[in-house]
Amino acid sequence: MILYVILLSPVVGYLLYRWGGQWLRARKRKQRAVLMSAPFPQAWRQVLADDFPLYRKLPVDLQRKLEGHINVFLQEKVFVGCSGFSITDEVRVLIAAQACLLILNTGVEYFPGFETILVYPQTYVANVTERDGALHSESVSARAGESWHRGPVIVAWDQVIQGARDGRDGHNVVMHEFAHKLDEENNRMDGLPILADRSQYQDWATVLSREYERLCQHHDDVIDSYGATSAAEFFAVVTEAFFEKPVQLKHKHPELYQQFQRYYRLDPVLWE
């Protein structure tokens, strides 16, 4: 009898683990479905109408869908003010809206692997350590935002509000940092996010590699030169251009636009 129990215990443990995991996932799906259809406060809608022109451009059905995603996002993420900054509903809603625009039509998770968003009042200074073999040096760098691998997203509020209000300059710190979060979902931040279909990977790699090399060699008036820093930064920078300069991006880089259109399952040109 004792031997039977010993042999059975791992099996029971495995079944409980599987059942528990399935139950938790089902519970989360149910909670999210409730939040997606929950009323969206009028005060929050006014924040978006006042400070986020891209929201005003969306068709009504996508506006309501974005509001549902914001409800879920605000339930699952934690906002922390830094350097004395106070987190208000305006701060939470405006950051959530810009982040959730990236997942508006993708059906993906809500940026899994992290939950904390740190918000500074303005551009902040970060310590930077550079290593070259046995040598290392310390310096400081002014930052508008950061995305730590499997860690928090950090943003400066003055840059958040500027990026939200100017939807045509191709610069949006929230979209940039949360694009990095999409990129790292496969545990690598390399400019190759998880695509919906395996057949997409070859075209993605071909087009993005060619466009990245072109940016490294030549100035571009649509894609910010910071995108030439690395493949990961290229993905984040093009994401900014895709949502904020869609007409220009499609005109000058049609194949690149098509890849991002397939990935985000949106066509921002239609909102212009």
C-alpha atoms as a PDB file:
ATOM      1  CA  MET A   1       0.000   0.000   0.000  1.00  0.00           C
ATOM      2  CA  ILE A   2       2.801   2.404   0.918  1.00  0.00           C
ATOM      3  CA  LEU A   3       4.627   1.559  -2.325  1.00  0.00           C
ATOM      4  CA  TYR A   4       1.424   2.155  -4.282  1.00  0.00           C
ATOM      5  CA  VAL A   5       0.995   5.606  -2.730  1.00  0.00           C
ATOM      6  CA  ILE A   6       4.642   6.471  -3.409  1.00  0.00           C
ATOM      7  CA  LEU A   7       4.313   5.462  -7.058  1.00  0.00           C
ATOM      8  CA  LEU A   8       1.026   7.282  -7.441  1.00  0.00           C
ATOM      9  CA  SER A   9       2.102  10.554  -5.812  1.00  0.00           C
ATOM     10  CA  PRO A  10       4.069  11.958  -8.802  1.00  0.00           C
ATOM     11  CA  VAL A  11       1.157  11.185 -11.108  1.00  0.00           C
ATOM     12  CA  VAL A  12      -1.329  12.882  -8.798  1.00  0.00           C
ATOM     13  CA  GLY A  13       1.004  15.845  -8.398  1.00  0.00           C
ATOM     14  CA  TYR A  14       1.362  16.202 -12.162  1.00  0.00           C
ATOM     15  CA  LEU A  15      -2.395  16.007 -12.710  1.00  0.00           C
ATOM     16  CA  LEU A  16      -3.035  18.589  -9.987  1.00  0.00           C
ATOM     17  CA  TYR A  17      -0.391  20.842 -11.555  1.00  0.00           C
ATOM     18  CA  ARG A  18      -1.979  20.530 -14.996  1.00  0.00           C
ATOM     19  CA  TRP A  19      -5.492  21.013 -13.647  1.00  0.00           C
ATOM     20  CA  GLY A  20      -4.434  23.959 -11.516  1.00  0.00           C
ATOM     21  CA  GLY A  21      -2.746  25.640 -14.467  1.00  0.00           C
ATOM     22  CA  GLN A  22      -5.773  25.152 -16.691  1.00  0.00           C
ATOM     23  CA  TRP A  23      -8.076  26.490 -13.964  1.00  0.00           C
ATOM     24  CA  LEU A  24      -5.956  29.604 -13.470  1.00  0.00           C
ATOM     25  CA  ARG A  25      -5.821  30.282 -17.216  1.00  0.00           C
ATOM     26  CA  ALA A  26      -9.580  29.840 -17.536  1.00  0.00           C
ATOM     27  CA  ARG A  27     -10.124  32.148 -14.576  1.00  0.00           C
ATOM     28  CA  LYS A  28      -7.877  34.811 -16.101  1.00  0.00           C
ATOM     29  CA  ARG A  29      -9.692  34.581 -19.458  1.00  0.00           C
ATOM     30  CA  LYS A  30     -13.017  35.038 -17.672  1.00  0.00           C
ATOM     31  CA  GLN A  31     -11.736  38.019 -15.676  1.00  0.00           C
ATOM     32  CA  ARG A  32     -10.387  39.629 -18.818  1.00  0.00           C
ATOM     33  CA  ALA A  33     -13.651  39.084 -20.697  1.00  0.00           C
ATOM     34  CA  VAL A  34     -15.535  40.832 -17.885  1.00  0.00           C
ATOM     35  CA  LEU A  35     -13.096  43.753 -17.914  1.00  0.00           C
ATOM     36  CA  MET A  36     -13.235  44.036 -21.709  1.00  0.00           C
ATOM     37  CA  SER A  37     -16.985  44.624 -21.538  1.00  0.00           C
ATOM     38  CA  ALA A  38     -16.969  46.704 -18.337  1.00  0.00           C
ATOM     39  CA  PRO A  39     -18.065  50.365 -18.521  1.00  0.00           C
ATOM     40  CA  PHE A  40     -15.260  52.784 -19.303  1.00  0.00           C
ATOM     41  CA  PRO A  41     -15.320  55.890 -17.076  1.00  0.00           C
ATOM     42  CA  GLN A  42     -16.249  59.055 -18.919  1.00  0.00           C
ATOM     43  CA  ALA A  43     -13.414  60.912 -17.185  1.00  0.00           C
ATOM     44  CA  TRP A  44     -10.924  58.450 -18.681  1.00  0.00           C
ATOM     45  CA  ARG A  45     -12.497  58.801 -22.116  1.00  0.00           C
ATOM     46  CA  GLN A  46     -12.084  62.565 -21.802  1.00  0.00           C
ATOM     47  CA  VAL A  47      -8.377  62.128 -21.010  1.00  0.00           C
ATOM     48  CA  LEU A  48      -7.961  60.185 -24.246  1.00  0.00           C
ATOM     49  CA  ALA A  49     -10.008  62.683 -26.247  1.00  0.00           C
ATOM     50  CA  ASP A  50      -7.975  65.603 -24.890  1.00  0.00           C
ATOM     51  CA  ASP A  51      -4.450  64.193 -24.928  1.00  0.00           C
ATOM     52  CA  PHE A  52      -4.289  61.304 -27.409  1.00  0.00           C
ATOM     53  CA  PRO A  53      -5.154  62.321 -31.001  1.00  0.00           C
ATOM     54  CA  LEU A  54      -4.609  58.772 -32.262  1.00  0.00           C
ATOM     55  CA  TYR A  55      -7.543  57.650 -30.124  1.00  0.00           C
ATOM     56  CA  ARG A  56      -9.774  60.243 -31.793  1.00  0.00           C
ATOM     57  CA  LYS A  57      -8.796  58.916 -35.227  1.00  0.00           C
ATOM     58  CA  LEU A  58      -9.848  55.342 -34.469  1.00  0.00           C
ATOM     59  CA  PRO A  59     -13.180  54.015 -35.725  1.00  0.00           C
ATOM     60  CA  VAL A  60     -15.694  53.777 -32.879  1.00  0.00           C
ATOM     61  CA  ASP A  61     -15.473  49.980 -32.682  1.00  0.00           C
ATOM     62  CA  LEU A  62     -11.703  50.152 -32.226  1.00  0.00           C
ATOM     63  CA  GLN A  63     -12.087  52.931 -29.646  1.00  0.00           C
ATOM     64  CA  ARG A  64     -14.345  50.690 -27.576  1.00  0.00           C
ATOM     65  CA  LYS A  65     -11.978  47.757 -28.031  1.00  0.00           C
ATOM     66  CA  LEU A  66      -9.020  49.869 -26.912  1.00  0.00           C
ATOM     67  CA  GLU A  67     -10.965  50.964 -23.835  1.00  0.00           C
ATOM     68  CA  GLY A  68     -11.546  47.324 -22.934  1.00  0.00           C
ATOM     69  CA  HIS A  69      -7.848  46.560 -23.280  1.00  0.00           C
ATOM     70  CA  ILE A  70      -7.075  49.553 -21.057  1.00  0.00           C
ATOM     71  CA  ASN A  71      -9.383  48.126 -18.371  1.00  0.00           C
ATOM     72  CA  VAL A  72      -7.473  44.838 -18.427  1.00  0.00           C
ATOM     73  CA  PHE A  73      -4.055  46.485 -18.563  1.00  0.00           C
ATOM     74  CA  LEU A  74      -4.784  48.694 -15.550  1.00  0.00           C
ATOM     75  CA  GLN A  75      -5.962  45.676 -13.576  1.00  0.00           C
ATOM     76  CA  GLU A  76      -2.806  43.673 -14.289  1.00  0.00           C
ATOM     77  CA  LYS A  77      -0.020  46.280 -14.198  1.00  0.00           C
ATOM     78  CA  VAL A  78       1.369  48.269 -11.262  1.00  0.00           C
ATOM     79  CA  PHE A  79       2.391  51.919 -11.604  1.00  0.00           C
ATOM     80  CA  VAL A  80       5.048  53.383  -9.316  1.00  0.00           C
ATOM     81  CA  GLY A  81       5.953  57.058  -9.183  1.00  0.00           C
ATOM     82  CA  CYS A  82       9.654  57.915  -8.875  1.00  0.00           C
ATOM     83  CA  SER A  83      11.415  61.064  -7.629  1.00  0.00           C
ATOM     84  CA  GLY A  84       8.268  62.263  -5.915  1.00  0.00           C
ATOM     85  CA  PHE A  85       6.008  61.823  -8.941  1.00  0.00           C
ATOM     86  CA  SER A  86       2.343  61.108  -8.127  1.00  0.00           C
ATOM     87  CA  ILE A  87       0.484  58.486 -10.126  1.00  0.00           C
ATOM     88  CA  THR A  88      -2.966  59.727 -11.169  1.00  0.00           C
ATOM     89  CA  ASP A  89      -5.698  58.233 -13.330  1.00  0.00           C
ATOM     90  CA  GLU A  90      -4.523  60.481 -16.166  1.00  0.00           C
ATOM     91  CA  VAL A  91      -1.035  58.979 -15.957  1.00  0.00           C
ATOM     92  CA  ARG A  92      -2.282  55.406 -15.817  1.00  0.00           C
ATOM     93  CA  VAL A  93      -4.859  55.763 -18.586  1.00  0.00           C
ATOM     94  CA  LEU A  94      -2.615  57.637 -21.001  1.00  0.00           C
ATOM     95  CA  ILE A  95       0.258  55.171 -20.641  1.00  0.00           C
ATOM     96  CA  ALA A  96      -2.107  52.204 -20.888  1.00  0.00           C
ATOM     97  CA  ALA A  97      -3.761  53.573 -24.035  1.00  0.00           C
ATOM     98  CA  GLN A  98      -0.496  54.014 -25.903  1.00  0.00           C
ATOM     99  CA  ALA A  99       0.764  50.592 -24.844  1.00  0.00           C
ATOM    100  CA  CYS A 100      -2.496  48.812 -25.658  1.00  0.00           C
ATOM    101  CA  LEU A 101      -2.677  50.338 -29.131  1.00  0.00           C
ATOM    102  CA  LEU A 102       0.118  47.901 -30.007  1.00  0.00           C
ATOM    103  CA  ILE A 103      -1.984  44.877 -29.023  1.00  0.00           C
ATOM    104  CA  LEU A 104      -5.326  46.298 -30.134  1.00  0.00           C
ATOM    105  CA  ASN A 105      -5.934  43.664 -32.812  1.00  0.00           C
ATOM    106  CA  THR A 106      -3.246  41.055 -32.201  1.00  0.00           C
ATOM    107  CA  GLY A 107      -4.954  38.782 -29.699  1.00  0.00           C
ATOM    108  CA  VAL A 108      -1.708  38.421 -27.755  1.00  0.00           C
ATOM    109  CA  GLU A 109      -1.181  38.523 -24.011  1.00  0.00           C
ATOM    110  CA  TYR A 110      -0.920  41.809 -22.126  1.00  0.00           C
ATOM    111  CA  PHE A 111       2.870  42.076 -22.209  1.00  0.00           C
ATOM    112  CA  PRO A 112       3.577  39.013 -20.033  1.00  0.00           C
ATOM    113  CA  GLY A 113       6.686  38.586 -17.913  1.00  0.00           C
ATOM    114  CA  PHE A 114       6.519  41.877 -16.049  1.00  0.00           C
ATOM    115  CA  GLU A 115       4.000  43.997 -14.169  1.00  0.00           C
ATOM    116  CA  THR A 116       5.705  47.189 -12.960  1.00  0.00           C
ATOM    117  CA  ILE A 117       5.834  50.542 -14.744  1.00  0.00           C
ATOM    118  CA  LEU A 118       8.085  53.163 -13.162  1.00  0.00           C
ATOM    119  CA  VAL A 119       7.236  56.777 -13.986  1.00  0.00           C
ATOM    120  CA  TYR A 120       9.615  59.698 -13.499  1.00  0.00           C
ATOM    121  CA  PRO A 121       8.336  63.279 -13.712  1.00  0.00           C
ATOM    122  CA  GLN A 122      10.785  64.145 -16.489  1.00  0.00           C
ATOM    123  CA  THR A 123      13.791  62.872 -18.395  1.00  0.00           C
ATOM    124  CA  TYR A 124      15.954  61.102 -15.829  1.00  0.00           C
ATOM    125  CA  VAL A 125      19.602  60.160 -15.452  1.00  0.00           C
ATOM    126  CA  ALA A 126      20.689  56.509 -15.425  1.00  0.00           C
ATOM    127  CA  ASN A 127      24.077  55.084 -14.513  1.00  0.00           C
ATOM    128  CA  VAL A 128      25.746  53.219 -17.368  1.00  0.00           C
ATOM    129  CA  THR A 129      28.554  50.670 -17.002  1.00  0.00           C
ATOM    130  CA  GLU A 130      30.574  49.822 -20.112  1.00  0.00           C
ATOM    131  CA  ARG A 131      32.945  46.851 -20.143  1.00  0.00           C
ATOM    132  CA  ASP A 132      35.768  46.067 -22.524  1.00  0.00           C
ATOM    133  CA  GLY A 133      37.480  42.921 -21.357  1.00  0.00           C
ATOM    134  CA  ALA A 134      38.950  43.552 -17.915  1.00  0.00           C
ATOM    135  CA  LEU A 135      38.331  47.295 -18.226  1.00  0.00           C
ATOM    136  CA  HIS A 136      35.100  48.989 -17.317  1.00  0.00           C
ATOM    137  CA  SER A 137      33.945  52.571 -17.131  1.00  0.00           C
ATOM    138  CA  GLU A 138      31.060  54.337 -15.411  1.00  0.00           C
ATOM    139  CA  SER A 139      29.031  57.152 -16.945  1.00  0.00           C
ATOM    140  CA  VAL A 140      25.571  58.693 -16.779  1.00  0.00           C
ATOM    141  CA  SER A 141      22.990  58.958 -19.528  1.00  0.00           C
ATOM    142  CA  ALA A 142      19.795  61.014 -19.830  1.00  0.00           C
ATOM    143  CA  ARG A 143      16.829  58.748 -20.552  1.00  0.00           C
ATOM    144  CA  ALA A 144      13.267  59.215 -21.763  1.00  0.00           C
ATOM    145  CA  GLY A 145      12.490  55.559 -21.146  1.00  0.00           C
ATOM    146  CA  GLU A 146      13.843  52.047 -20.745  1.00  0.00           C
ATOM    147  CA  SER A 147      12.597  48.492 -20.986  1.00  0.00           C
ATOM    148  CA  TRP A 148      14.429  45.978 -18.819  1.00  0.00           C
ATOM    149  CA  HIS A 149      14.468  42.388 -20.001  1.00  0.00           C
ATOM    150  CA  ARG A 150      11.879  40.552 -17.890  1.00  0.00           C
ATOM    151  CA  GLY A 151      11.822  43.646 -15.716  1.00  0.00           C
ATOM    152  CA  PRO A 152      10.006  46.960 -15.472  1.00  0.00           C
ATOM    153  CA  VAL A 153       9.261  49.550 -18.096  1.00  0.00           C
ATOM    154  CA  ILE A 154      10.541  52.994 -17.113  1.00  0.00           C
ATOM    155  CA  VAL A 155       9.237  56.206 -18.691  1.00  0.00           C
ATOM    156  CA  ALA A 156       9.489  59.955 -18.121  1.00  0.00           C
ATOM    157  CA  TRP A 157       6.068  61.594 -17.859  1.00  0.00           C
ATOM    158  CA  ASP A 158       7.046  64.735 -19.758  1.00  0.00           C
ATOM    159  CA  GLN A 159       8.024  62.501 -22.689  1.00  0.00           C
ATOM    160  CA  VAL A 160       4.885  60.379 -22.323  1.00  0.00           C
ATOM    161  CA  ILE A 161       2.569  63.369 -22.572  1.00  0.00           C
ATOM    162  CA  GLN A 162       4.563  64.894 -25.424  1.00  0.00           C
ATOM    163  CA  GLY A 163       4.474  61.646 -27.376  1.00  0.00           C
ATOM    164  CA  ALA A 164       0.753  61.210 -26.792  1.00  0.00           C
ATOM    165  CA  ARG A 165      -0.199  64.728 -27.831  1.00  0.00           C
ATOM    166  CA  ASP A 166       1.946  64.811 -30.970  1.00  0.00           C
ATOM    167  CA  GLY A 167       0.799  61.855 -33.006  1.00  0.00           C
ATOM    168  CA  ARG A 168       2.637  62.804 -36.182  1.00  0.00           C
ATOM    169  CA  ASP A 169       6.300  63.221 -35.239  1.00  0.00           C
ATOM    170  CA  GLY A 170       7.177  59.514 -35.182  1.00  0.00           C
ATOM    171  CA  HIS A 171       8.383  59.665 -31.577  1.00  0.00           C
ATOM    172  CA  ASN A 172       6.454  57.926 -28.831  1.00  0.00           C
ATOM    173  CA  VAL A 173       8.335  56.657 -25.793  1.00  0.00           C
ATOM    174  CA  VAL A 174       5.515  54.396 -24.579  1.00  0.00           C
ATOM    175  CA  MET A 175       5.102  52.650 -27.933  1.00  0.00           C
ATOM    176  CA  HIS A 176       8.876  52.346 -28.208  1.00  0.00           C
ATOM    177  CA  GLU A 177       9.387  50.693 -24.823  1.00  0.00           C
ATOM    178  CA  PHE A 178       6.374  48.414 -25.109  1.00  0.00           C
ATOM    179  CA  ALA A 179       7.492  47.347 -28.585  1.00  0.00           C
ATOM    180  CA  HIS A 180      10.587  46.051 -26.787  1.00  0.00           C
ATOM    181  CA  LYS A 181       8.277  44.066 -24.496  1.00  0.00           C
ATOM    182  CA  LEU A 182       6.617  42.476 -27.529  1.00  0.00           C
ATOM    183  CA  ASP A 183      10.046  41.754 -28.966  1.00  0.00           C
ATOM    184  CA  GLU A 184      11.226  39.946 -25.828  1.00  0.00           C
ATOM    185  CA  GLU A 185       8.238  37.597 -25.562  1.00  0.00           C
ATOM    186  CA  ASN A 186      10.350  34.869 -27.186  1.00  0.00           C
ATOM    187  CA  ASN A 187      12.977  35.562 -24.484  1.00  0.00           C
ATOM    188  CA  ARG A 188      15.212  37.462 -26.921  1.00  0.00           C
ATOM    189  CA  MET A 189      15.223  41.156 -27.744  1.00  0.00           C
ATOM    190  CA  ASP A 190      16.430  40.911 -31.325  1.00  0.00           C
ATOM    191  CA  GLY A 191      13.853  42.620 -33.515  1.00  0.00           C
ATOM    192  CA  LEU A 192      12.063  39.352 -34.230  1.00  0.00           C
ATOM    193  CA  PRO A 193       8.851  39.106 -32.176  1.00  0.00           C
ATOM    194  CA  ILE A 194       6.547  36.118 -32.125  1.00  0.00           C
ATOM    195  CA  LEU A 195       4.630  36.127 -35.413  1.00  0.00           C
ATOM    196  CA  ALA A 196       1.143  34.711 -35.892  1.00  0.00           C
ATOM    197  CA  ASP A 197       2.152  32.283 -38.633  1.00  0.00           C
ATOM    198  CA  ARG A 198       5.413  30.410 -39.126  1.00  0.00           C
ATOM    199  CA  SER A 199       5.261  31.224 -42.830  1.00  0.00           C
ATOM    200  CA  GLN A 200       5.756  34.915 -41.989  1.00  0.00           C
ATOM    201  CA  TYR A 201       9.243  34.549 -40.529  1.00  0.00           C
ATOM    202  CA  GLN A 202      11.148  34.321 -43.799  1.00  0.00           C
ATOM    203  CA  ASP A 203       9.553  37.426 -45.302  1.00  0.00           C
ATOM    204  CA  TRP A 204       9.955  39.300 -42.015  1.00  0.00           C
ATOM    205  CA  ALA A 205      13.646  38.473 -41.787  1.00  0.00           C
ATOM    206  CA  THR A 206      14.290  39.321 -45.436  1.00  0.00           C
ATOM    207  CA  VAL A 207      12.490  42.666 -45.442  1.00  0.00           C
ATOM    208  CA  LEU A 208      13.613  43.886 -42.029  1.00  0.00           C
ATOM    209  CA  SER A 209      17.236  42.895 -42.574  1.00  0.00           C
ATOM    210  CA  ARG A 210      17.331  44.770 -45.867  1.00  0.00           C
ATOM    211  CA  GLU A 211      15.624  47.863 -44.448  1.00  0.00           C
ATOM    212  CA  TYR A 212      17.812  47.843 -41.347  1.00  0.00           C
ATOM    213  CA  GLU A 213      20.991  47.732 -43.424  1.00  0.00           C
ATOM    214  CA  ARG A 214      19.659  50.547 -45.593  1.00  0.00           C
ATOM    215  CA  LEU A 215      19.050  52.707 -42.515  1.00  0.00           C
ATOM    216  CA  CYS A 216      22.558  51.948 -41.265  1.00  0.00           C
ATOM    217  CA  GLN A 217      23.960  53.275 -44.543  1.00  0.00           C
ATOM    218  CA  HIS A 218      21.674  56.219 -45.291  1.00  0.00           C
ATOM    219  CA  HIS A 219      19.698  58.908 -43.485  1.00  0.00           C
ATOM    220  CA  ASP A 220      15.940  58.422 -43.616  1.00  0.00           C
ATOM    221  CA  ASP A 221      13.339  61.144 -43.068  1.00  0.00           C
ATOM    222  CA  VAL A 222      10.657  58.681 -41.906  1.00  0.00           C
ATOM    223  CA  ILE A 223      12.543  56.204 -39.711  1.00  0.00           C
ATOM    224  CA  ASP A 224      14.569  57.769 -36.900  1.00  0.00           C
ATOM    225  CA  SER A 225      18.309  57.143 -37.131  1.00  0.00           C
ATOM    226  CA  TYR A 226      18.277  55.628 -33.621  1.00  0.00           C
ATOM    227  CA  GLY A 227      16.814  52.568 -35.295  1.00  0.00           C
ATOM    228  CA  ALA A 228      20.253  51.853 -36.767  1.00  0.00           C
ATOM    229  CA  THR A 229      21.577  51.129 -33.255  1.00  0.00           C
ATOM    230  CA  SER A 230      20.474  47.482 -33.354  1.00  0.00           C
ATOM    231  CA  ALA A 231      17.806  45.199 -34.796  1.00  0.00           C
ATOM    232  CA  ALA A 232      15.839  45.520 -31.546  1.00  0.00           C
ATOM    233  CA  GLU A 233      15.871  49.312 -31.717  1.00  0.00           C
ATOM    234  CA  PHE A 234      14.937  49.162 -35.398  1.00  0.00           C
ATOM    235  CA  PHE A 235      11.785  47.211 -34.552  1.00  0.00           C
ATOM    236  CA  ALA A 236      10.840  49.696 -31.818  1.00  0.00           C
ATOM    237  CA  VAL A 237      11.549  52.777 -33.942  1.00  0.00           C
ATOM    238  CA  VAL A 238       9.628  51.451 -36.954  1.00  0.00           C
ATOM    239  CA  THR A 239       6.716  50.687 -34.629  1.00  0.00           C
ATOM    240  CA  GLU A 240       6.637  54.387 -33.720  1.00  0.00           C
ATOM    241  CA  ALA A 241       6.665  55.362 -37.397  1.00  0.00           C
ATOM    242  CA  PHE A 242       4.025  52.764 -38.288  1.00  0.00           C
ATOM    243  CA  PHE A 243       1.496  54.308 -35.907  1.00  0.00           C
ATOM    244  CA  GLU A 244       2.503  57.963 -36.183  1.00  0.00           C
ATOM    245  CA  LYS A 245       3.738  58.307 -39.787  1.00  0.00           C
ATOM    246  CA  PRO A 246       1.828  55.561 -41.578  1.00  0.00           C
ATOM    247  CA  VAL A 247       1.308  57.373 -44.879  1.00  0.00           C
ATOM    248  CA  GLN A 248       4.982  58.318 -45.183  1.00  0.00           C
ATOM    249  CA  LEU A 249       6.162  54.860 -44.117  1.00  0.00           C
ATOM    250  CA  LYS A 250       3.886  53.093 -46.593  1.00  0.00           C
ATOM    251  CA  HIS A 251       4.938  55.430 -49.409  1.00  0.00           C
ATOM    252  CA  LYS A 252       8.680  55.183 -48.821  1.00  0.00           C
ATOM    253  CA  HIS A 253       8.943  51.655 -47.388  1.00  0.00           C
ATOM    254  CA  PRO A 254       5.905  49.725 -48.703  1.00  0.00           C
ATOM    255  CA  GLU A 255       7.249  46.233 -47.969  1.00  0.00           C
ATOM    256  CA  LEU A 256       8.253  47.226 -44.448  1.00  0.00           C
ATOM    257  CA  TYR A 257       4.830  48.750 -43.852  1.00  0.00           C
ATOM    258  CA  GLN A 258       3.205  45.551 -45.090  1.00  0.00           C
ATOM    259  CA  GLN A 259       5.173  43.434 -42.616  1.00  0.00           C
ATOM    260  CA  PHE A 260       4.138  45.631 -39.700  1.00  0.00           C
ATOM    261  CA  GLN A 261       0.568  45.733 -40.947  1.00  0.00           C
ATOM    262  CA  ARG A 262       0.494  41.925 -40.884  1.00  0.00           C
ATOM    263  CA  TYR A 263       2.104  41.816 -37.448  1.00  0.00           C
ATOM    264  CA  TYR A 264      -0.111  44.398 -35.734  1.00  0.00           C
ATOM    265  CA  ARG A 265      -3.182  43.459 -37.828  1.00  0.00           C
ATOM    266  CA  LEU A 266      -3.961  47.132 -38.271  1.00  0.00           C
ATOM    267  CA  ASP A 267      -3.769  49.610 -41.142  1.00  0.00           C
ATOM    268  CA  PRO A 268      -3.184  53.084 -39.635  1.00  0.00           C
ATOM    269  CA  VAL A 269      -3.254  54.665 -43.105  1.00  0.00           C
ATOM    270  CA  LEU A 270      -7.026  54.206 -42.992  1.00  0.00           C
ATOM    271  CA  TRP A 271      -7.221  56.477 -39.948  1.00  0.00           C
ATOM    272  CA  GLU A 272      -5.681  59.461 -41.711  1.00  0.00           C
END
